[in-house]
Amino acid sequence: MPEEVLFKSEQRMNREQIASYLQTVVDKLNAGEPITLQGGGDSVTLEPPTQPTFEVKAEREGPTNGPKELSIEFELEWPEDGDDGGELEIG
């Protein structure tokens, strides 16, 4: 299945700024409200269901004999048709 990027933003921020953005997402999830992503003139609003799949991934990327980059990725995933897809799984 091909991937369609609906929104993308990448910028350097300090930890407090990142925590503030993540806290906004937490607040929206707790309230059951839609999440709107905005930046660079682009905007998308998504409504996660009550039980999306939650994925956490830590990665090391880079050339075999070169400098590496570490990352932590958090992902919420659900079918676009609105089907919750069953129980929450954390792997």
C-alpha atoms as a PDB file:
ATOM      1  CA  MET A   1       0.000   0.000   0.000  1.00  0.00           C
ATOM      2  CA  PRO A   2       1.562   3.348  -0.987  1.00  0.00           C
ATOM      3  CA  GLU A   3       2.067   5.957   1.703  1.00  0.00           C
ATOM      4  CA  GLU A   4       0.534   9.422   1.343  1.00  0.00           C
ATOM      5  CA  VAL A   5       2.069  12.051   3.620  1.00  0.00           C
ATOM      6  CA  LEU A   6      -0.718  14.336   4.848  1.00  0.00           C
ATOM      7  CA  PHE A   7       1.538  16.574   6.953  1.00  0.00           C
ATOM      8  CA  LYS A   8       5.234  16.725   7.795  1.00  0.00           C
ATOM      9  CA  SER A   9       7.259  19.077   9.967  1.00  0.00           C
ATOM     10  CA  GLU A  10      10.859  18.776  11.085  1.00  0.00           C
ATOM     11  CA  GLN A  11      12.715  21.369  13.136  1.00  0.00           C
ATOM     12  CA  ARG A  12      15.177  21.623  15.984  1.00  0.00           C
ATOM     13  CA  MET A  13      13.566  22.477  19.336  1.00  0.00           C
ATOM     14  CA  ASN A  14      14.653  22.352  22.939  1.00  0.00           C
ATOM     15  CA  ARG A  15      13.243  19.667  25.245  1.00  0.00           C
ATOM     16  CA  GLU A  16      10.740  22.036  26.872  1.00  0.00           C
ATOM     17  CA  GLN A  17       9.266  22.986  23.488  1.00  0.00           C
ATOM     18  CA  ILE A  18       8.977  19.318  22.506  1.00  0.00           C
ATOM     19  CA  ALA A  19       7.338  18.482  25.846  1.00  0.00           C
ATOM     20  CA  SER A  20       4.830  21.289  25.295  1.00  0.00           C
ATOM     21  CA  TYR A  21       3.848  19.942  21.871  1.00  0.00           C
ATOM     22  CA  LEU A  22       3.546  16.398  23.239  1.00  0.00           C
ATOM     23  CA  GLN A  23       1.483  17.657  26.212  1.00  0.00           C
ATOM     24  CA  THR A  24      -0.960  19.269  23.799  1.00  0.00           C
ATOM     25  CA  VAL A  25      -1.379  15.885  22.081  1.00  0.00           C
ATOM     26  CA  VAL A  26      -1.850  14.201  25.481  1.00  0.00           C
ATOM     27  CA  ASP A  27      -4.488  16.771  26.465  1.00  0.00           C
ATOM     28  CA  LYS A  28      -6.370  16.267  23.172  1.00  0.00           C
ATOM     29  CA  LEU A  29      -6.273  12.457  23.541  1.00  0.00           C
ATOM     30  CA  ASN A  30      -7.508  12.655  27.155  1.00  0.00           C
ATOM     31  CA  ALA A  31     -10.370  14.937  26.121  1.00  0.00           C
ATOM     32  CA  GLY A  32     -11.305  12.803  23.092  1.00  0.00           C
ATOM     33  CA  GLU A  33     -10.792  15.821  20.829  1.00  0.00           C
ATOM     34  CA  PRO A  34      -9.414  15.973  17.278  1.00  0.00           C
ATOM     35  CA  ILE A  35      -5.703  16.744  16.857  1.00  0.00           C
ATOM     36  CA  THR A  36      -4.755  19.508  14.424  1.00  0.00           C
ATOM     37  CA  LEU A  37      -1.208  19.688  13.065  1.00  0.00           C
ATOM     38  CA  GLN A  38      -0.174  23.054  11.587  1.00  0.00           C
ATOM     39  CA  GLY A  39       3.007  24.462  10.145  1.00  0.00           C
ATOM     40  CA  GLY A  40       4.406  26.159   7.078  1.00  0.00           C
ATOM     41  CA  GLY A  41       0.947  27.011   5.787  1.00  0.00           C
ATOM     42  CA  ASP A  42      -0.133  23.355   5.912  1.00  0.00           C
ATOM     43  CA  SER A  43      -2.747  21.939   8.271  1.00  0.00           C
ATOM     44  CA  VAL A  44      -4.425  18.585   8.878  1.00  0.00           C
ATOM     45  CA  THR A  45      -6.935  17.533  11.555  1.00  0.00           C
ATOM     46  CA  LEU A  46      -7.230  13.895  12.603  1.00  0.00           C
ATOM     47  CA  GLU A  47      -9.600  12.192  15.032  1.00  0.00           C
ATOM     48  CA  PRO A  48      -7.959   9.151  16.657  1.00  0.00           C
ATOM     49  CA  PRO A  49     -10.471   6.491  17.750  1.00  0.00           C
ATOM     50  CA  THR A  50     -10.768   5.366  21.362  1.00  0.00           C
ATOM     51  CA  GLN A  51      -8.311   2.490  20.801  1.00  0.00           C
ATOM     52  CA  PRO A  52      -5.739   3.173  18.081  1.00  0.00           C
ATOM     53  CA  THR A  53      -2.639   1.001  17.786  1.00  0.00           C
ATOM     54  CA  PHE A  54       0.282   2.695  19.588  1.00  0.00           C
ATOM     55  CA  GLU A  55       3.805   2.032  18.339  1.00  0.00           C
ATOM     56  CA  VAL A  56       7.025   3.183  20.002  1.00  0.00           C
ATOM     57  CA  LYS A  57      10.282   2.686  18.167  1.00  0.00           C
ATOM     58  CA  ALA A  58      13.917   3.546  18.941  1.00  0.00           C
ATOM     59  CA  GLU A  59      16.229   3.516  15.926  1.00  0.00           C
ATOM     60  CA  ARG A  60      19.872   3.961  14.987  1.00  0.00           C
ATOM     61  CA  GLU A  61      20.332   5.013  11.367  1.00  0.00           C
ATOM     62  CA  GLY A  62      23.292   5.889   9.216  1.00  0.00           C
ATOM     63  CA  PRO A  63      25.973   4.466   6.974  1.00  0.00           C
ATOM     64  CA  THR A  64      27.809   1.322   8.081  1.00  0.00           C
ATOM     65  CA  ASN A  65      31.123   3.125   8.582  1.00  0.00           C
ATOM     66  CA  GLY A  66      29.867   6.623   9.290  1.00  0.00           C
ATOM     67  CA  PRO A  67      28.181   8.735  11.914  1.00  0.00           C
ATOM     68  CA  LYS A  68      24.875   7.436  13.225  1.00  0.00           C
ATOM     69  CA  GLU A  69      21.672   9.220  14.192  1.00  0.00           C
ATOM     70  CA  LEU A  70      19.409   8.059  17.038  1.00  0.00           C
ATOM     71  CA  SER A  71      15.667   8.608  17.100  1.00  0.00           C
ATOM     72  CA  ILE A  72      12.557   7.871  19.129  1.00  0.00           C
ATOM     73  CA  GLU A  73       9.319   7.611  17.182  1.00  0.00           C
ATOM     74  CA  PHE A  74       5.784   7.558  18.566  1.00  0.00           C
ATOM     75  CA  GLU A  75       2.986   6.531  16.231  1.00  0.00           C
ATOM     76  CA  LEU A  76      -0.773   6.231  16.548  1.00  0.00           C
ATOM     77  CA  GLU A  77      -2.339   4.146  13.804  1.00  0.00           C
ATOM     78  CA  TRP A  78      -5.929   3.251  12.914  1.00  0.00           C
ATOM     79  CA  PRO A  79      -8.009   2.291   9.882  1.00  0.00           C
ATOM     80  CA  GLU A  80      -9.303   5.282   7.957  1.00  0.00           C
ATOM     81  CA  ASP A  81     -12.769   3.714   7.808  1.00  0.00           C
ATOM     82  CA  GLY A  82     -13.135   4.370  11.548  1.00  0.00           C
ATOM     83  CA  ASP A  83     -13.019   0.730  12.684  1.00  0.00           C
ATOM     84  CA  ASP A  84     -11.136   0.669  16.011  1.00  0.00           C
ATOM     85  CA  GLY A  85      -9.553  -2.629  15.031  1.00  0.00           C
ATOM     86  CA  GLY A  86      -9.904  -4.309  18.435  1.00  0.00           C
ATOM     87  CA  GLU A  87      -7.739  -4.090  21.527  1.00  0.00           C
ATOM     88  CA  LEU A  88      -4.794  -1.736  21.949  1.00  0.00           C
ATOM     89  CA  GLU A  89      -1.495  -3.517  21.374  1.00  0.00           C
ATOM     90  CA  ILE A  90       1.858  -2.195  22.527  1.00  0.00           C
ATOM     91  CA  GLY A  91       4.874  -4.000  21.102  1.00  0.00           C
END
